[in-house]
């Protein structure tokens, strides 16, 4: 019976091809090569990974399992390289290498999902490997040679698009985070250097973005902006929460209190953490709600 033969060209360095051969042989532990170490061998001449077997039954299963390994190899070996190439090209090679590494990690997290199983593996990652293993398996079933770089470029364009979108999202989130920190730093400087106008302001937080502002005598801070609550019309329009937060911060900066007392039952709310970050030592959380 004629032997089935497959050749895989990783288009990468020899050590990368060695890792692929090891992954393939580990997946086919029940089969034996010429040296008893598995059916796949790394050619010393051209660095390609080869397999030659006589398969009477189960050829489709063999190709399916090989496809899964190739997808796992691409996801674990090539994906970080693809992300780095894209970020260096579009974000700038002069950027902080540590920041690039962080964004790559964040992009991989977006691709894999953040829900881990009992064994620590990510469900999203397993689904992706299974999904992208299918086109590899179908190709190997009909062809004896595959060039991984060419296959990625011409037959897995959807995968490349997925990786690119994750990279774009990671960069966008990192830029937004940087801008937020710079803005917070600016506001902190304003609080530190501006003149104190009132001795104390009490912020009554009744949940969400509903706030009332009072002075040290528990009188409304002013007639125009002492209350931040959604009106029925704003509820219907979906009033922008960021706009509400900005209005609250602006009013408190204008008041420039020596002390800021925040009365809330939800100290972990984002808007509360924002106020604590801006006013620093001037601000204090008060769990009681004055009447």
Protein backbone atom coordinates (compact mmCIF):
# COMPACT_ATOMS: atom_id res chain seq x y z
CA UNK A 1 0.00 0.00 0.00
CA UNK A 2 1.27 3.45 -0.92
CA UNK A 3 2.48 5.60 1.91
CA UNK A 4 0.95 8.96 2.76
CA UNK A 5 3.52 11.70 2.95
CA UNK A 6 3.25 15.20 4.33
CA UNK A 7 5.75 18.03 4.43
CA UNK A 8 5.35 21.19 6.50
CA UNK A 9 7.49 24.26 5.90
CA UNK A 10 7.17 26.66 8.84
CA UNK A 11 9.04 29.43 7.05
CA UNK A 12 10.70 30.16 10.38
CA UNK A 13 13.91 29.44 12.23
CA UNK A 14 15.03 25.91 12.91
CA UNK A 15 14.20 26.07 16.62
CA UNK A 16 10.63 26.98 15.73
CA UNK A 17 10.41 23.99 13.39
CA UNK A 18 11.81 21.78 16.14
CA UNK A 19 9.03 22.90 18.47
CA UNK A 20 6.43 22.09 15.84
CA UNK A 21 7.88 18.61 15.29
CA UNK A 22 7.83 17.99 19.04
CA UNK A 23 4.21 19.16 19.30
CA UNK A 24 3.17 16.89 16.42
CA UNK A 25 4.93 13.84 17.84
CA UNK A 26 3.44 14.48 21.26
CA UNK A 27 -0.01 14.48 19.69
CA UNK A 28 0.70 11.16 17.96
CA UNK A 29 2.35 9.37 20.86
CA UNK A 30 0.87 6.04 19.78
CA UNK A 31 2.64 6.09 16.41
CA UNK A 32 6.33 5.38 15.89
CA UNK A 33 8.89 6.86 13.51
CA UNK A 34 12.13 5.40 12.25
CA UNK A 35 13.87 6.23 15.53
CA UNK A 36 10.94 5.44 17.77
CA UNK A 37 10.25 9.08 18.64
CA UNK A 38 7.09 9.69 16.62
CA UNK A 39 6.08 9.83 12.96
CA UNK A 40 7.23 13.42 12.33
CA UNK A 41 10.87 14.25 11.68
CA UNK A 42 12.74 17.49 11.20
CA UNK A 43 14.86 17.38 8.07
CA UNK A 44 18.45 18.47 8.76
CA UNK A 45 18.86 19.58 5.13
CA UNK A 46 15.99 22.05 4.69
CA UNK A 47 14.45 22.38 8.17
CA UNK A 48 11.07 21.10 7.02
CA UNK A 49 8.93 18.77 9.12
CA UNK A 50 8.03 15.51 7.36
CA UNK A 51 5.89 12.48 7.99
CA UNK A 52 5.62 9.26 5.96
CA UNK A 53 3.05 6.69 7.03
CA UNK A 54 0.91 3.90 5.61
CA UNK A 55 -2.55 4.67 6.93
CA UNK A 56 -5.18 2.04 6.14
CA UNK A 57 -7.92 3.68 8.19
CA UNK A 58 -8.32 6.96 9.99
CA UNK A 59 -6.64 9.22 7.46
CA UNK A 60 -9.23 11.92 8.07
CA UNK A 61 -8.70 11.71 11.83
CA UNK A 62 -4.94 11.94 11.30
CA UNK A 63 -5.32 15.11 9.22
CA UNK A 64 -7.79 16.53 11.73
CA UNK A 65 -5.42 16.01 14.65
CA UNK A 66 -2.52 17.44 12.64
CA UNK A 67 -4.63 20.48 11.78
CA UNK A 68 -5.35 21.10 15.47
CA UNK A 69 -1.62 20.98 16.27
CA UNK A 70 -0.83 23.39 13.43
CA UNK A 71 -3.51 25.79 14.68
CA UNK A 72 -2.12 25.55 18.22
CA UNK A 73 1.37 26.21 16.84
CA UNK A 74 0.16 29.28 14.94
CA UNK A 75 -1.71 30.65 17.96
CA UNK A 76 1.13 30.08 20.42
CA UNK A 77 4.14 30.63 18.17
CA UNK A 78 3.18 33.00 15.37
CA UNK A 79 0.44 35.09 16.96
CA UNK A 80 2.70 37.10 19.33
CA UNK A 81 5.06 37.76 16.39
CA UNK A 82 2.18 38.95 14.18
CA UNK A 83 0.95 41.25 16.95
CA UNK A 84 4.41 42.70 17.52
CA UNK A 85 4.91 43.30 13.79
CA UNK A 86 1.58 45.09 13.51
CA UNK A 87 2.17 47.24 16.60
CA UNK A 88 5.71 48.18 15.57
CA UNK A 89 4.42 49.18 12.14
CA UNK A 90 1.41 51.14 13.30
CA UNK A 91 2.31 52.22 16.83
CA UNK A 92 5.98 53.01 16.31
CA UNK A 93 9.18 51.06 16.86
CA UNK A 94 10.47 53.80 19.19
CA UNK A 95 7.76 53.05 21.73
CA UNK A 96 8.58 51.57 25.10
CA UNK A 97 9.26 47.83 24.52
CA UNK A 98 7.64 47.02 27.86
CA UNK A 99 4.48 48.85 26.81
CA UNK A 100 4.47 46.93 23.51
CA UNK A 101 4.76 43.68 25.48
CA UNK A 102 1.85 44.71 27.69
CA UNK A 103 -0.33 45.52 24.68
CA UNK A 104 0.56 42.19 23.06
CA UNK A 105 -0.49 40.43 26.25
CA UNK A 106 -3.73 42.42 26.33
CA UNK A 107 -4.46 41.60 22.68
CA UNK A 108 -3.90 37.88 23.31
CA UNK A 109 -6.22 38.15 26.30
CA UNK A 110 -8.89 39.67 24.05
CA UNK A 111 -8.45 36.86 21.53
CA UNK A 112 -8.48 34.07 24.10
CA UNK A 113 -11.22 35.43 26.31
CA UNK A 114 -10.97 35.86 30.06
CA UNK A 115 -12.96 32.84 31.28
CA UNK A 116 -10.68 30.05 32.43
CA UNK A 117 -11.60 26.43 33.11
CA UNK A 118 -10.63 24.30 36.10
CA UNK A 119 -7.35 23.38 34.40
CA UNK A 120 -6.44 27.02 33.81
CA UNK A 121 -7.03 26.83 30.06
CA UNK A 122 -9.07 29.51 28.33
CA UNK A 123 -12.29 28.41 26.65
CA UNK A 124 -11.89 31.05 23.96
CA UNK A 125 -8.41 29.83 23.10
CA UNK A 126 -9.58 26.21 22.78
CA UNK A 127 -12.43 27.29 20.51
CA UNK A 128 -10.08 29.30 18.34
CA UNK A 129 -7.63 26.43 17.95
CA UNK A 130 -10.45 24.08 17.01
CA UNK A 131 -11.87 26.61 14.54
CA UNK A 132 -8.59 27.35 12.75
CA UNK A 133 -7.55 23.71 12.83
CA UNK A 134 -10.35 22.82 10.43
CA UNK A 135 -8.97 24.61 7.33
CA UNK A 136 -5.54 23.11 8.02
CA UNK A 137 -7.05 19.63 8.23
CA UNK A 138 -9.06 20.07 5.02
CA UNK A 139 -5.97 21.25 3.15
CA UNK A 140 -3.78 18.41 4.43
CA UNK A 141 -6.39 15.87 3.42
CA UNK A 142 -5.99 16.92 -0.22
CA UNK A 143 -2.36 18.07 -0.25
CA UNK A 144 0.95 16.65 0.88
CA UNK A 145 2.78 19.97 1.28
CA UNK A 146 1.90 23.08 3.25
CA UNK A 147 3.82 26.31 3.71
CA UNK A 148 2.51 27.86 6.90
CA UNK A 149 3.35 31.49 6.08
CA UNK A 150 1.71 31.22 2.67
CA UNK A 151 -1.29 29.42 4.15
CA UNK A 152 -1.72 32.18 6.71
CA UNK A 153 -1.47 34.93 4.13
CA UNK A 154 -3.72 33.49 1.45
CA UNK A 155 -6.08 31.05 3.15
CA UNK A 156 -6.47 32.38 6.69
CA UNK A 157 -7.21 36.03 5.97
CA UNK A 158 -10.10 35.93 8.42
CA UNK A 159 -7.70 34.83 11.14
CA UNK A 160 -5.28 37.66 10.31
CA UNK A 161 -8.18 40.11 10.46
CA UNK A 162 -9.11 38.77 13.89
CA UNK A 163 -5.56 39.27 15.14
CA UNK A 164 -5.36 42.76 13.65
CA UNK A 165 -8.65 43.82 15.29
CA UNK A 166 -7.40 42.57 18.67
CA UNK A 167 -4.20 44.56 18.21
CA UNK A 168 -6.13 47.70 17.29
CA UNK A 169 -8.40 47.32 20.33
CA UNK A 170 -5.43 46.79 22.68
CA UNK A 171 -3.67 49.90 21.32
CA UNK A 172 -6.84 51.98 21.51
CA UNK A 173 -7.50 50.94 25.11
CA UNK A 174 -3.88 51.63 26.06
CA UNK A 175 -4.05 55.11 24.49
CA UNK A 176 -7.32 55.85 26.26
CA UNK A 177 -5.82 54.68 29.55
CA UNK A 178 -2.79 56.91 29.00
CA UNK A 179 -4.96 59.92 28.17
CA UNK A 180 -7.10 59.26 31.24
CA UNK A 181 -4.04 59.12 33.51
CA UNK A 182 -2.63 62.33 31.99
CA UNK A 183 -5.99 64.05 32.46
CA UNK A 184 -6.22 62.83 36.06
CA UNK A 185 -2.71 64.12 36.70
CA UNK A 186 -3.72 67.53 35.36
CA UNK A 187 -6.78 67.65 37.60
CA UNK A 188 -4.72 66.59 40.61
CA UNK A 189 -2.33 69.46 39.92
CA UNK A 190 -5.24 71.88 39.74
CA UNK A 191 -6.54 70.70 43.12
CA UNK A 192 -3.08 71.02 44.64
CA UNK A 193 -2.30 74.53 43.44
CA UNK A 194 -5.62 76.35 43.27
CA UNK A 195 -6.81 78.55 46.13
CA UNK A 196 -9.25 77.06 48.65
CA UNK A 197 -12.66 78.68 48.25
CA UNK A 198 -14.83 76.75 50.74
CA UNK A 199 -13.87 74.82 53.84
CA UNK A 200 -15.82 71.68 53.03
CA UNK A 201 -18.15 70.13 50.52
CA UNK A 202 -20.37 67.13 51.27
CA UNK A 203 -21.22 64.92 48.31
CA UNK A 204 -24.29 62.79 48.88
CA UNK A 205 -24.26 59.84 46.52
CA UNK A 206 -27.55 57.96 46.42
CA UNK A 207 -26.43 55.52 43.73
CA UNK A 208 -25.47 55.57 40.07
CA UNK A 209 -24.84 59.15 38.99
CA UNK A 210 -27.26 60.78 41.44
CA UNK A 211 -25.46 63.34 43.60
CA UNK A 212 -26.33 66.26 45.86
CA UNK A 213 -23.74 68.85 46.89
CA UNK A 214 -23.79 70.67 50.23
CA UNK A 215 -21.41 73.08 51.96
CA UNK A 216 -19.92 72.66 55.45
CA UNK A 217 -23.24 73.82 57.02
CA UNK A 218 -25.14 71.21 55.01
CA UNK A 219 -26.74 73.88 52.86
CA UNK A 220 -27.09 73.40 49.10
CA UNK A 221 -23.81 74.44 47.51
CA UNK A 222 -25.59 76.86 45.17
CA UNK A 223 -28.88 77.37 43.44
CA UNK A 224 -27.75 76.30 40.01
CA UNK A 225 -25.75 73.12 40.46
CA UNK A 226 -26.39 71.58 43.85
CA UNK A 227 -28.09 68.49 42.49
CA UNK A 228 -27.02 66.00 39.79
CA UNK A 229 -29.92 63.65 39.15
CA UNK A 230 -31.42 62.39 35.95
CA UNK A 231 -34.70 63.93 34.93
CA UNK A 232 -37.34 61.73 33.26
CA UNK A 233 -36.42 63.25 29.87
CA UNK A 234 -32.73 62.47 30.43
CA UNK A 235 -33.62 58.90 31.39
CA UNK A 236 -35.44 58.50 28.08
CA UNK A 237 -32.54 60.02 26.11
CA UNK A 238 -29.93 57.91 27.89
CA UNK A 239 -28.08 60.92 29.33
CA UNK A 240 -24.34 60.50 28.93
CA UNK A 241 -22.84 59.25 32.21
CA UNK A 242 -19.41 60.62 31.27
CA UNK A 243 -20.97 64.04 30.79
CA UNK A 244 -22.59 63.81 34.22
CA UNK A 245 -19.28 62.83 35.79
CA UNK A 246 -17.54 65.73 34.06
CA UNK A 247 -20.16 68.18 35.34
CA UNK A 248 -19.74 66.89 38.88
CA UNK A 249 -15.94 67.13 38.75
CA UNK A 250 -16.10 70.62 37.22
CA UNK A 251 -18.44 71.85 39.95
CA UNK A 252 -16.23 70.46 42.71
CA UNK A 253 -13.10 71.94 41.14
CA UNK A 254 -14.85 75.30 40.95
CA UNK A 255 -15.79 75.04 44.64
CA UNK A 256 -12.18 74.10 45.51
CA UNK A 257 -12.95 72.70 48.98
CA UNK A 258 -10.32 72.20 51.66
CA UNK A 259 -12.06 68.93 52.54
CA UNK A 260 -14.35 66.75 50.45
CA UNK A 261 -16.65 64.35 52.28
CA UNK A 262 -18.23 61.70 50.06
CA UNK A 263 -21.26 60.03 51.61
CA UNK A 264 -21.92 56.80 49.74
CA UNK A 265 -22.85 53.15 50.19
CA UNK A 266 -20.94 52.27 47.00
CA UNK A 267 -17.31 53.37 47.48
CA UNK A 268 -16.15 51.15 44.60
CA UNK A 269 -18.26 52.96 42.02
CA UNK A 270 -16.10 54.35 39.20
CA UNK A 271 -17.21 57.93 39.75
CA UNK A 272 -16.33 57.70 43.45
CA UNK A 273 -12.90 56.30 42.67
CA UNK A 274 -12.42 59.14 40.19
CA UNK A 275 -13.20 61.74 42.86
CA UNK A 276 -10.87 60.07 45.35
CA UNK A 277 -8.12 59.98 42.72
CA UNK A 278 -8.49 63.67 41.90
CA UNK A 279 -8.81 65.10 45.41
CA UNK A 280 -6.46 62.66 47.11
CA UNK A 281 -5.86 63.44 50.81
CA UNK A 282 -8.51 66.13 50.75
CA UNK A 283 -11.23 63.53 50.15
CA UNK A 284 -12.73 61.03 52.58
CA UNK A 285 -15.37 58.34 52.27
CA UNK A 286 -18.20 58.57 54.79
CA UNK A 287 -20.47 55.50 54.93
CA UNK A 288 -23.17 57.41 56.81
CA UNK A 289 -25.79 59.34 54.90
CA UNK A 290 -26.76 62.59 56.70
CA UNK A 291 -30.40 63.54 56.80
